C-alpha cells in the first residue's frame, strides 16, 4: 500500500479527508495525521510515506518549510499543498521547491483531488516497477561484488531499499544463508502466502540470503526442515536477531565468511552449540586481533572453563590449537595467493612482530614464510 501523511492545523479537515476519500481505490492508506509542520516532520521520519498532503499555513513549521525539508532529503516524495486564496504566493513557492500540486481549500473539488491521487498512484507504481526490474537483473550481481570486497554502488542501493521495500528491517529480523537448496523461491512463496514480509538475494548457484522478520522465524525454520526432507543436502546458517542497515551488513558479511570458512576447512557449524558458533565467527572476523579464550568466553556468556570444555567437545580440539591452526592456514593462503609482505601477513593473523611471525611460521610449517612462498611458486610444497 502507498502510505499517505496528512498535515493540517484544522482537525475537521484532517478527519474529513481520512473519512471521505476512498483511499483503497488508489492502493493508498493514511498512516498518520499531524496538526502542525513539526509533528508532521516527526511522523514523516517515522513512517516515510510516499505522499504528503499538507496545509501551507500551520503553527510551529509551515507547509512550505515542511515540503522543503522533505524534498531536500527525499526528493521522490509526492507533496500536495492545500492553500487558501490569501497564501497563493506561498503555493507558488511550494511548487518551485518541488511540490506536485496544490488545491485551493475555498474551491475544493473531489474530482480534482482524486485526479491528483490517481496520478500519484501511477507515478509511484512506475518507480516501484523500475526498482523491481533493477532488483531482479542487477541486485545479485552488485551484492556479490560488494560481498567480495569490491567497491561499488551496492551500499547506496541498500540504503534505498531500507527506505522503501526493506523498511521493515528497521525492526528485529533474522538472516539466513541457504546453501544447496535448488528452489528457495518455493519456501518464500509459502511464507508470503500468509502475508509475511520476506526478502531474498541470490549469491551463487543454489545459494541465497533470506531475511525474515523475528516473528516469522519459527515458521521459516519448520519450512526449512520440511525442505531438507526432500533435499537432504540442504544446509543453512543463521545470524540474528538484527535491526537496521549496519547490522544487516555485519550479519551478511559474518555469514558469508562463515560459509567460506566451512568450505575451506571442511567444518560444519550447524550442530555446534550457539555459543561456539558465535565464538568461531568472532575468531574468523577478528583473526588480526590477539584473542584469548577468556575474552571470547565472556563475549558468548560463558565462564572460561565451561567455554573451553564446550569448545573442545564441539570442535574436536582446544581453543588454542584451533586458533593456531586457522592462523597458520590463513598465513599460508596469503603467502601463496597474494603479494602482501611478510609483515602485512603477520598483522593480518594477529602477530604484530614480523620477526616473531617468521619464527612462529617456521616452527609450525618447517620453513620460513619467504621460503614457503618461493617453494609454492616452484610447486615444491
Protein backbone atom coordinates (compact mmCIF):
# COMPACT_ATOMS: atom_id res chain seq x y z
CA UNK A 1 0.00 0.00 0.00
CA UNK A 2 1.11 3.57 -0.75
CA UNK A 3 1.48 5.48 2.53
CA UNK A 4 -0.08 8.93 2.97
CA UNK A 5 0.53 11.57 5.66
CA UNK A 6 -1.95 14.43 6.19
CA UNK A 7 -0.88 17.66 7.91
CA UNK A 8 -3.36 20.46 8.71
CA UNK A 9 -3.99 22.53 11.82
CA UNK A 10 -7.74 22.12 11.37
CA UNK A 11 -8.89 18.82 12.84
CA UNK A 12 -12.06 18.82 10.76
CA UNK A 13 -10.01 18.97 7.54
CA UNK A 14 -7.75 16.08 8.57
CA UNK A 15 -10.54 13.84 9.75
CA UNK A 16 -12.71 14.78 6.78
CA UNK A 17 -10.08 13.71 4.27
CA UNK A 18 -9.37 10.50 6.16
CA UNK A 19 -13.04 9.56 6.35
CA UNK A 20 -14.44 10.61 2.99
CA UNK A 21 -11.75 9.67 0.46
CA UNK A 22 -11.74 6.11 -0.94
CA UNK A 23 -8.03 5.60 -0.30
CA UNK A 24 -8.13 1.86 -1.06
CA UNK A 25 -9.28 2.70 -4.59
CA UNK A 26 -5.81 4.16 -5.22
CA UNK A 27 -3.93 1.47 -3.27
CA UNK A 28 -3.30 4.04 -0.51
CA UNK A 29 -3.60 4.18 3.25
CA UNK A 30 -3.34 7.16 5.61
CA UNK A 31 -0.70 6.16 8.15
CA UNK A 32 -0.82 9.33 10.28
CA UNK A 33 -2.12 12.90 10.56
CA UNK A 34 -0.49 15.94 12.18
CA UNK A 35 -1.74 19.33 13.46
CA UNK A 36 1.44 21.23 12.56
CA UNK A 37 4.56 21.02 10.44
CA UNK A 38 6.91 19.98 13.26
CA UNK A 39 4.76 17.00 14.21
CA UNK A 40 4.34 16.15 10.54
CA UNK A 41 8.12 16.02 10.09
CA UNK A 42 8.47 13.71 13.10
CA UNK A 43 5.80 11.41 11.69
CA UNK A 44 7.39 11.56 8.25
CA UNK A 45 10.73 10.45 9.70
CA UNK A 46 8.97 7.59 11.47
CA UNK A 47 6.84 6.30 8.60
CA UNK A 48 8.50 7.64 5.41
CA UNK A 49 5.24 7.97 3.43
CA UNK A 50 5.31 8.30 -0.34
CA UNK A 51 2.67 11.08 -0.30
CA UNK A 52 2.30 14.12 1.99
CA UNK A 53 -0.83 16.26 1.86
CA UNK A 54 -0.21 19.46 3.80
CA UNK A 55 -1.78 22.79 4.53
CA UNK A 56 0.52 25.76 3.89
CA UNK A 57 -0.29 27.93 6.91
CA UNK A 58 0.33 25.94 10.10
CA UNK A 59 1.85 26.70 13.51
CA UNK A 60 5.47 25.87 14.50
CA UNK A 61 6.60 24.81 11.00
CA UNK A 62 4.51 25.81 7.98
CA UNK A 63 3.77 23.63 4.99
CA UNK A 64 6.39 25.28 2.77
CA UNK A 65 9.20 24.60 5.23
CA UNK A 66 7.94 21.05 5.71
CA UNK A 67 7.91 20.49 1.94
CA UNK A 68 11.40 21.97 1.61
CA UNK A 69 12.84 19.64 4.28
CA UNK A 70 11.20 16.60 2.75
CA UNK A 71 12.26 17.41 -0.81
CA UNK A 72 15.86 18.09 0.19
CA UNK A 73 16.25 14.64 1.74
CA UNK A 74 13.60 12.58 -0.06
CA UNK A 75 13.04 14.16 -3.49
CA UNK A 76 10.77 11.36 -4.76
CA UNK A 77 8.06 12.13 -2.18
CA UNK A 78 4.83 13.46 -3.67
CA UNK A 79 3.62 16.62 -1.90
CA UNK A 80 0.15 18.08 -2.41
CA UNK A 81 -0.37 21.54 -0.93
CA UNK A 82 -3.68 22.76 0.45
CA UNK A 83 -3.93 26.53 0.01
CA UNK A 84 -6.22 29.49 0.67
CA UNK A 85 -6.50 32.49 -1.68
CA UNK A 86 -4.54 34.68 0.68
CA UNK A 87 -1.46 32.47 0.55
CA UNK A 88 -1.40 31.87 -3.21
CA UNK A 89 2.14 33.24 -3.42
CA UNK A 90 3.22 30.61 -0.89
CA UNK A 91 1.63 27.94 -3.05
CA UNK A 92 3.76 29.13 -5.96
CA UNK A 93 6.84 28.92 -3.74
CA UNK A 94 5.88 25.37 -2.83
CA UNK A 95 5.64 24.42 -6.49
CA UNK A 96 9.08 25.92 -7.07
CA UNK A 97 10.68 23.67 -4.45
CA UNK A 98 9.14 20.54 -5.91
CA UNK A 99 5.56 20.15 -4.68
CA UNK A 100 3.49 18.08 -7.08
CA UNK A 101 0.43 20.31 -6.97
CA UNK A 102 -1.91 22.41 -4.87
CA UNK A 103 -5.62 22.72 -4.25
CA UNK A 104 -7.49 25.82 -3.08
CA UNK A 105 -9.47 24.99 0.04
CA UNK A 106 -12.08 27.58 -0.86
CA UNK A 107 -12.74 25.84 -4.17
CA UNK A 108 -12.08 22.24 -3.15
CA UNK A 109 -13.42 19.69 -5.64
CA UNK A 110 -13.39 15.94 -5.09
CA UNK A 111 -12.67 15.32 -8.77
CA UNK A 112 -9.55 17.47 -8.78
CA UNK A 113 -8.28 15.84 -5.56
CA UNK A 114 -8.87 12.33 -6.92
CA UNK A 115 -7.12 13.19 -10.17
CA UNK A 116 -4.01 14.01 -8.15
CA UNK A 117 -4.29 10.71 -6.26
CA UNK A 118 -4.66 8.77 -9.49
CA UNK A 119 -1.62 10.49 -10.98
CA UNK A 120 0.46 9.88 -7.87
CA UNK A 121 -0.51 6.22 -7.85
CA UNK A 122 0.63 5.77 -11.46
CA UNK A 123 3.93 7.58 -10.91
CA UNK A 124 4.77 5.69 -7.71
CA UNK A 125 3.86 2.30 -9.17
CA UNK A 126 6.03 3.08 -12.20
CA UNK A 127 9.01 3.80 -9.93
CA UNK A 128 8.38 0.60 -7.96
CA UNK A 129 8.27 -1.38 -11.20
CA UNK A 130 11.59 0.06 -12.31
CA UNK A 131 13.13 -0.79 -8.94
CA UNK A 132 11.91 -4.38 -9.14
CA UNK A 133 13.36 -4.68 -12.63
CA UNK A 134 16.69 -3.48 -11.27
CA UNK A 135 16.46 -5.86 -8.33
CA UNK A 136 15.90 -8.94 -10.45
CA UNK A 137 18.52 -8.16 -13.08
CA UNK A 138 21.33 -6.41 -11.20
CA UNK A 139 20.94 -6.57 -7.43
CA UNK A 140 22.51 -10.02 -7.05
CA UNK A 141 25.49 -9.02 -9.19
CA UNK A 142 26.10 -5.77 -7.27
CA UNK A 143 25.63 -7.57 -3.96
CA UNK A 144 28.11 -10.34 -4.76
CA UNK A 145 30.76 -7.85 -5.87
CA UNK A 146 30.32 -5.95 -2.60
CA UNK A 147 30.47 -9.20 -0.65
CA UNK A 148 33.84 -9.92 -2.27
CA UNK A 149 35.15 -6.53 -1.05
CA UNK A 150 34.90 -4.67 -4.37
CA UNK A 151 33.90 -1.02 -4.07
CA UNK A 152 30.67 -0.39 -5.98
CA UNK A 153 27.23 1.20 -5.69
CA UNK A 154 25.67 -1.56 -3.57
CA UNK A 155 25.75 0.39 -0.25
CA UNK A 156 23.72 3.18 -1.89
CA UNK A 157 21.30 0.63 -3.34
CA UNK A 158 20.94 -0.90 0.11
CA UNK A 159 20.14 2.48 1.65
CA UNK A 160 17.40 2.98 -0.93
CA UNK A 161 15.95 -0.46 -0.19
CA UNK A 162 15.91 0.29 3.54
CA UNK A 163 13.99 3.49 2.87
CA UNK A 164 11.31 1.66 0.91
CA UNK A 165 10.83 -2.09 0.31
CA UNK A 166 13.01 -3.18 3.23
CA UNK A 167 11.94 -0.57 5.73
CA UNK A 168 10.50 -3.39 7.86
CA UNK A 169 14.10 -4.39 8.65
CA UNK A 170 14.27 -1.42 10.99
CA UNK A 171 12.53 -3.90 13.31
CA UNK A 172 14.21 -7.16 14.50
CA UNK A 173 14.88 -9.72 11.76
CA UNK A 174 16.99 -12.82 11.10
CA UNK A 175 19.38 -13.50 8.25
CA UNK A 176 19.63 -17.00 6.75
CA UNK A 177 22.27 -18.13 4.30
CA UNK A 178 20.84 -21.14 2.47
CA UNK A 179 23.20 -23.49 0.71
CA UNK A 180 22.44 -26.28 -1.77
CA UNK A 181 18.72 -25.54 -1.93
CA UNK A 182 17.55 -25.71 -5.54
CA UNK A 183 14.24 -23.90 -5.10
CA UNK A 184 14.35 -21.32 -2.31
CA UNK A 185 11.56 -19.37 -4.04
CA UNK A 186 9.16 -22.19 -3.13
CA UNK A 187 9.82 -21.55 0.58
CA UNK A 188 9.34 -17.83 0.19
CA UNK A 189 6.07 -18.32 -1.67
CA UNK A 190 4.73 -20.44 1.19
CA UNK A 191 5.80 -17.82 3.73
CA UNK A 192 4.42 -14.91 1.72
CA UNK A 193 1.09 -16.69 1.22
CA UNK A 194 0.30 -15.63 4.78
CA UNK A 195 1.31 -12.02 4.00
CA UNK A 196 4.57 -12.30 5.88
CA UNK A 197 7.44 -9.95 5.00
CA UNK A 198 10.47 -11.59 3.46
CA UNK A 199 13.42 -10.63 1.25
CA UNK A 200 15.97 -12.57 -0.76
CA UNK A 201 19.27 -12.00 -2.54
CA UNK A 202 20.81 -14.82 -4.58
CA UNK A 203 24.51 -15.46 -4.06
CA UNK A 204 25.85 -18.03 -6.48
CA UNK A 205 24.29 -21.29 -7.63
CA UNK A 206 21.88 -22.92 -5.14
CA UNK A 207 22.82 -20.30 -2.56
CA UNK A 208 20.82 -17.34 -1.24
CA UNK A 209 20.46 -14.93 1.65
CA UNK A 210 16.96 -14.83 3.12
CA UNK A 211 15.74 -12.11 5.50
CA UNK A 212 12.88 -12.98 7.86
CA UNK A 213 11.08 -10.84 10.49
CA UNK A 214 11.68 -12.10 14.00
CA UNK A 215 8.05 -13.14 14.36
CA UNK A 216 8.29 -15.39 11.28
CA UNK A 217 11.41 -17.29 12.32
CA UNK A 218 9.77 -20.38 13.82
CA UNK A 219 7.58 -20.92 10.81
CA UNK A 220 10.52 -20.47 8.45
CA UNK A 221 12.57 -22.99 10.44
CA UNK A 222 9.75 -25.52 10.02
CA UNK A 223 9.71 -24.89 6.27
CA UNK A 224 13.47 -25.45 6.11
CA UNK A 225 13.17 -28.75 7.95
CA UNK A 226 10.44 -29.82 5.52
CA UNK A 227 12.65 -28.83 2.58
CA UNK A 228 15.50 -30.90 3.92
CA UNK A 229 13.21 -33.91 3.89
CA UNK A 230 13.16 -33.71 0.10
CA UNK A 231 16.70 -32.37 -0.33
CA UNK A 232 18.96 -33.88 2.40
CA UNK A 233 21.97 -31.83 1.23
CA UNK A 234 20.32 -28.53 2.19
CA UNK A 235 22.25 -26.53 4.78
CA UNK A 236 21.75 -23.12 6.35
CA UNK A 237 23.45 -20.73 8.74
CA UNK A 238 21.62 -18.08 10.72
CA UNK A 239 22.51 -14.69 12.15
CA UNK A 240 20.36 -12.51 14.37
CA UNK A 241 18.26 -11.00 15.60
CA UNK A 242 19.48 -7.91 13.79
CA UNK A 243 18.00 -4.44 13.37
CA UNK A 244 18.81 -1.73 10.85
CA UNK A 245 21.23 -1.40 7.96
CA UNK A 246 24.55 -1.63 9.83
CA UNK A 247 23.60 -4.93 11.46
CA UNK A 248 22.40 -6.11 8.03
CA UNK A 249 25.83 -5.52 6.53
CA UNK A 250 27.67 -7.03 9.51
CA UNK A 251 25.38 -10.05 9.66
CA UNK A 252 25.60 -10.81 5.95
CA UNK A 253 29.40 -10.48 5.98
CA UNK A 254 29.66 -12.75 9.01
CA UNK A 255 27.53 -15.48 7.42
CA UNK A 256 29.41 -15.32 4.14
CA UNK A 257 32.80 -15.58 5.83
CA UNK A 258 31.48 -18.41 7.95
CA UNK A 259 30.40 -20.32 4.85
CA UNK A 260 33.76 -19.72 3.18
CA UNK A 261 35.46 -20.90 6.35
CA UNK A 262 33.40 -24.09 6.45
CA UNK A 263 34.23 -24.84 2.82
CA UNK A 264 37.93 -24.12 3.26
CA UNK A 265 38.44 -26.04 6.49
CA UNK A 266 35.81 -28.74 5.91
CA UNK A 267 33.86 -27.78 9.03
CA UNK A 268 30.12 -27.74 9.57
CA UNK A 269 28.96 -25.46 12.37
CA UNK A 270 25.34 -26.46 12.00
CA UNK A 271 25.25 -28.80 15.01
CA UNK A 272 27.59 -26.78 17.20
CA UNK A 273 26.10 -25.03 20.25
CA UNK A 274 25.24 -21.41 19.52
CA UNK A 275 27.94 -20.00 21.86
CA UNK A 276 30.59 -21.97 19.97
CA UNK A 277 29.25 -20.80 16.60
CA UNK A 278 29.47 -17.21 17.83
CA UNK A 279 32.97 -17.81 19.15
CA UNK A 280 34.23 -19.19 15.84
CA UNK A 281 32.59 -16.32 13.97
CA UNK A 282 34.43 -13.93 16.27
CA UNK A 283 37.73 -15.69 15.57
CA UNK A 284 37.18 -15.58 11.80
CA UNK A 285 36.23 -11.90 11.77
CA UNK A 286 38.97 -10.79 14.16
CA UNK A 287 41.88 -13.04 13.34
CA UNK A 288 44.10 -9.95 13.27
CA UNK A 289 43.49 -9.39 16.99
CA UNK A 290 45.20 -11.24 19.88
CA UNK A 291 42.08 -13.04 21.13
CA UNK A 292 42.15 -15.11 24.33
CA UNK A 293 39.77 -17.83 25.44
CA UNK A 294 38.83 -15.63 28.42
CA UNK A 295 37.81 -12.75 26.13
CA UNK A 296 35.78 -14.97 23.82
CA UNK A 297 34.12 -16.85 26.69
CA UNK A 298 33.00 -13.54 28.18
CA UNK A 299 31.55 -12.36 24.86
CA UNK A 300 29.46 -15.52 24.40
CA UNK A 301 28.28 -15.52 28.03
CA UNK A 302 30.22 -18.49 29.44
CA UNK A 303 32.85 -18.98 32.08
CA UNK A 304 36.33 -19.71 30.72
CA UNK A 305 36.35 -23.32 31.97
CA UNK A 306 32.84 -24.07 30.67
CA UNK A 307 33.69 -22.46 27.33
CA UNK A 308 36.93 -24.46 26.97
CA UNK A 309 35.13 -27.74 27.68
CA UNK A 310 32.25 -26.98 25.31
CA UNK A 311 34.60 -25.76 22.57
CA UNK A 312 36.75 -28.89 22.57
CA UNK A 313 33.70 -31.15 22.61
CA UNK A 314 32.08 -29.37 19.64
CA UNK A 315 35.14 -28.61 17.51
CA UNK A 316 37.32 -31.57 18.39
CA UNK A 317 40.34 -29.58 19.56
CA UNK A 318 41.15 -26.88 22.09
CA UNK A 319 40.55 -23.20 21.51
CA UNK A 320 44.32 -22.54 21.36
CA UNK A 321 45.02 -25.39 18.92
CA UNK A 322 42.09 -24.39 16.72
CA UNK A 323 43.04 -20.70 16.61
CA UNK A 324 46.67 -21.56 15.91
CA UNK A 325 45.76 -23.86 13.04
CA UNK A 326 43.44 -21.28 11.47
CA UNK A 327 46.14 -18.62 11.68
CA UNK A 328 48.65 -20.93 10.02
CA UNK A 329 46.24 -21.81 7.21
CA UNK A 330 45.35 -18.16 6.57
CA UNK A 331 49.03 -17.19 6.57
CA UNK A 332 49.80 -19.95 4.06
CA UNK A 333 46.94 -18.87 1.80
CA UNK A 334 48.06 -15.24 1.87
CA UNK A 335 51.68 -16.16 1.13
CA UNK A 336 50.60 -18.34 -1.78
CA UNK A 337 47.82 -16.24 -3.31
CA UNK A 338 48.80 -12.62 -2.61
CA UNK A 339 51.79 -10.33 -2.93
CA UNK A 340 51.45 -8.99 0.63
CA UNK A 341 54.68 -8.61 2.55
CA UNK A 342 55.55 -10.90 5.42
CA UNK A 343 54.90 -8.05 7.87
CA UNK A 344 51.46 -7.35 6.37
CA UNK A 345 50.51 -11.03 6.57
CA UNK A 346 51.84 -11.17 10.10
CA UNK A 347 49.48 -8.38 11.15
CA UNK A 348 46.50 -10.00 9.41
CA UNK A 349 46.88 -13.12 11.57
CA UNK A 350 47.26 -11.19 14.81
CA UNK A 351 51.04 -11.16 15.17
CA UNK A 352 52.44 -7.64 15.22
CA UNK A 353 56.15 -8.56 15.40
CA UNK A 354 57.38 -9.63 11.96
CA UNK A 355 60.44 -11.42 13.33
CA UNK A 356 58.36 -13.42 15.76
CA UNK A 357 55.95 -14.27 12.92
CA UNK A 358 58.82 -15.73 10.89
CA UNK A 359 59.98 -17.91 13.81
CA UNK A 360 56.39 -18.94 14.61
CA UNK A 361 55.66 -19.84 11.00
CA UNK A 362 58.85 -21.90 10.67
CA UNK A 363 58.03 -23.76 13.87
CA UNK A 364 54.55 -24.64 12.52
CA UNK A 365 55.39 -25.37 8.85
CA UNK A 366 59.10 -26.17 8.88
CA UNK A 367 60.22 -23.36 6.56
CA UNK A 368 60.30 -19.55 6.77
CA UNK A 369 57.50 -17.50 5.17
CA UNK A 370 59.78 -16.39 2.30
CA UNK A 371 60.92 -19.98 1.63
CA UNK A 372 57.31 -21.17 1.71
CA UNK A 373 56.32 -18.59 -0.89
CA UNK A 374 59.26 -19.45 -3.16
CA UNK A 375 58.64 -23.17 -2.83
CA UNK A 376 54.97 -22.73 -3.68
CA UNK A 377 55.91 -20.83 -6.82
CA UNK A 378 58.14 -23.77 -7.78
CA UNK A 379 55.43 -26.26 -6.78
CA UNK A 380 57.77 -27.93 -4.29
CA UNK A 381 55.37 -27.87 -1.33
